[in-house]
């Protein structure tokens, strides 16, 4: 049985080498590492550029935590499908309110944010 398994492994490796899969995988890994490095640098540049002590971000975090806790509480235990649907409806409604709230934020951003010096 071991000889058959070894023969299949050798045949598999031979076919993969013949069609150039090793080179494709090597290039893919190199591209992924480069892409991840760029993403990581961009992400940390964003984190450093934002003033996280602003009240807006604190209230935003409180809002998201409150929505999460209410959703978990409303759907925990022995609940009906109607209650789960109502919770889902409320969460989707809050997500739908995002666009008008973003427009308000654009209009009044000078009151919500301070420039980081």
Protein backbone atom coordinates (compact mmCIF):
# COMPACT_ATOMS: atom_id res chain seq x y z
CA UNK A 1 0.00 0.00 0.00
CA UNK A 2 2.87 2.35 0.81
CA UNK A 3 4.42 1.73 -2.62
CA UNK A 4 1.16 2.71 -4.33
CA UNK A 5 0.89 5.87 -2.23
CA UNK A 6 4.53 6.72 -3.03
CA UNK A 7 3.94 6.12 -6.75
CA UNK A 8 0.88 8.40 -6.73
CA UNK A 9 2.82 11.12 -4.87
CA UNK A 10 5.69 10.94 -7.37
CA UNK A 11 3.29 11.00 -10.34
CA UNK A 12 1.46 13.97 -8.83
CA UNK A 13 4.69 15.90 -8.26
CA UNK A 14 5.87 15.10 -11.78
CA UNK A 15 2.63 16.39 -13.33
CA UNK A 16 2.66 19.53 -11.17
CA UNK A 17 6.26 20.23 -12.18
CA UNK A 18 5.51 19.57 -15.86
CA UNK A 19 2.62 22.06 -16.03
CA UNK A 20 4.48 24.73 -14.04
CA UNK A 21 2.31 24.86 -10.94
CA UNK A 22 5.32 25.41 -8.69
CA UNK A 23 6.19 28.66 -10.45
CA UNK A 24 2.58 29.83 -10.37
CA UNK A 25 2.34 29.13 -6.64
CA UNK A 26 5.69 30.84 -6.01
CA UNK A 27 4.58 33.96 -7.92
CA UNK A 28 1.22 33.98 -6.16
CA UNK A 29 2.90 33.79 -2.76
CA UNK A 30 5.28 36.62 -3.66
CA UNK A 31 2.38 38.80 -4.85
CA UNK A 32 0.38 38.03 -1.72
CA UNK A 33 3.30 38.94 0.54
CA UNK A 34 3.89 42.21 -1.34
CA UNK A 35 0.17 43.02 -1.34
CA UNK A 36 -0.11 42.29 2.36
CA UNK A 37 2.90 44.49 3.11
CA UNK A 38 1.33 47.40 1.20
CA UNK A 39 -2.02 46.84 2.92
CA UNK A 40 -0.34 46.67 6.33
CA UNK A 41 1.59 49.90 5.73
CA UNK A 42 -1.55 51.68 4.54
CA UNK A 43 -3.58 50.38 7.49
CA UNK A 44 -1.04 51.53 10.09
CA UNK A 45 -0.67 54.90 8.33
CA UNK A 46 -4.44 55.34 8.67
CA UNK A 47 -4.36 54.33 12.34
CA UNK A 48 -1.59 56.86 13.02
CA UNK A 49 -3.34 59.65 11.08
CA UNK A 50 -6.61 59.47 13.03
CA UNK A 51 -7.03 61.24 16.36
CA UNK A 52 -8.83 58.49 18.28
CA UNK A 53 -9.41 60.73 21.31
CA UNK A 54 -12.16 62.65 19.50
CA UNK A 55 -15.60 62.30 21.08
CA UNK A 56 -17.08 61.19 17.75
CA UNK A 57 -15.14 57.95 17.74
CA UNK A 58 -16.00 57.24 21.37
CA UNK A 59 -19.71 57.69 20.69
CA UNK A 60 -19.44 55.64 17.52
CA UNK A 61 -17.85 52.79 19.49
CA UNK A 62 -20.55 53.06 22.18
CA UNK A 63 -23.27 52.94 19.51
CA UNK A 64 -21.83 49.84 17.84
CA UNK A 65 -21.34 48.10 21.19
CA UNK A 66 -24.92 48.95 22.18
CA UNK A 67 -26.32 47.58 18.90
CA UNK A 68 -24.26 44.42 19.31
CA UNK A 69 -25.34 43.86 22.93
CA UNK A 70 -29.01 44.54 22.14
CA UNK A 71 -28.89 42.16 19.18
CA UNK A 72 -27.30 39.40 21.25
CA UNK A 73 -29.75 39.94 24.12
CA UNK A 74 -32.78 40.04 21.81
CA UNK A 75 -31.84 36.78 20.09
CA UNK A 76 -30.47 34.82 23.06
CA UNK A 77 -32.34 32.09 24.85
CA UNK A 78 -35.59 30.58 23.68
CA UNK A 79 -36.85 33.12 21.12
CA UNK A 80 -39.34 33.01 18.30
CA UNK A 81 -38.65 33.57 14.64
CA UNK A 82 -40.65 36.80 14.82
CA UNK A 83 -38.34 38.22 17.47
CA UNK A 84 -35.25 37.31 15.44
CA UNK A 85 -36.83 38.87 12.33
CA UNK A 86 -37.69 42.05 14.26
CA UNK A 87 -34.12 42.30 15.54
CA UNK A 88 -32.79 41.80 12.03
CA UNK A 89 -35.20 44.46 10.75
CA UNK A 90 -33.99 46.98 13.35
CA UNK A 91 -30.33 46.30 12.50
CA UNK A 92 -31.04 46.67 8.76
CA UNK A 93 -32.99 49.87 9.45
CA UNK A 94 -30.00 51.28 11.35
CA UNK A 95 -27.75 50.33 8.43
CA UNK A 96 -30.16 52.05 6.02
CA UNK A 97 -29.95 55.23 8.12
CA UNK A 98 -26.21 55.29 7.48
CA UNK A 99 -26.40 57.26 4.22
CA UNK A 100 -28.44 60.21 5.56
CA UNK A 101 -26.25 60.28 8.67
CA UNK A 102 -23.14 60.35 6.50
CA UNK A 103 -24.53 63.35 4.60
CA UNK A 104 -25.15 65.10 7.92
CA UNK A 105 -21.60 64.25 8.95
CA UNK A 106 -20.26 65.75 5.73
CA UNK A 107 -22.28 68.90 6.31
CA UNK A 108 -21.25 69.35 9.96
CA UNK A 109 -17.82 67.70 10.02
CA UNK A 110 -16.15 70.90 11.19
CA UNK A 111 -18.14 70.59 14.42
CA UNK A 112 -17.40 66.88 14.91
CA UNK A 113 -13.68 66.65 14.15
CA UNK A 114 -10.49 68.43 15.09
CA UNK A 115 -7.46 68.54 12.79
CA UNK A 116 -4.54 66.49 14.11
CA UNK A 117 -1.42 68.65 14.23
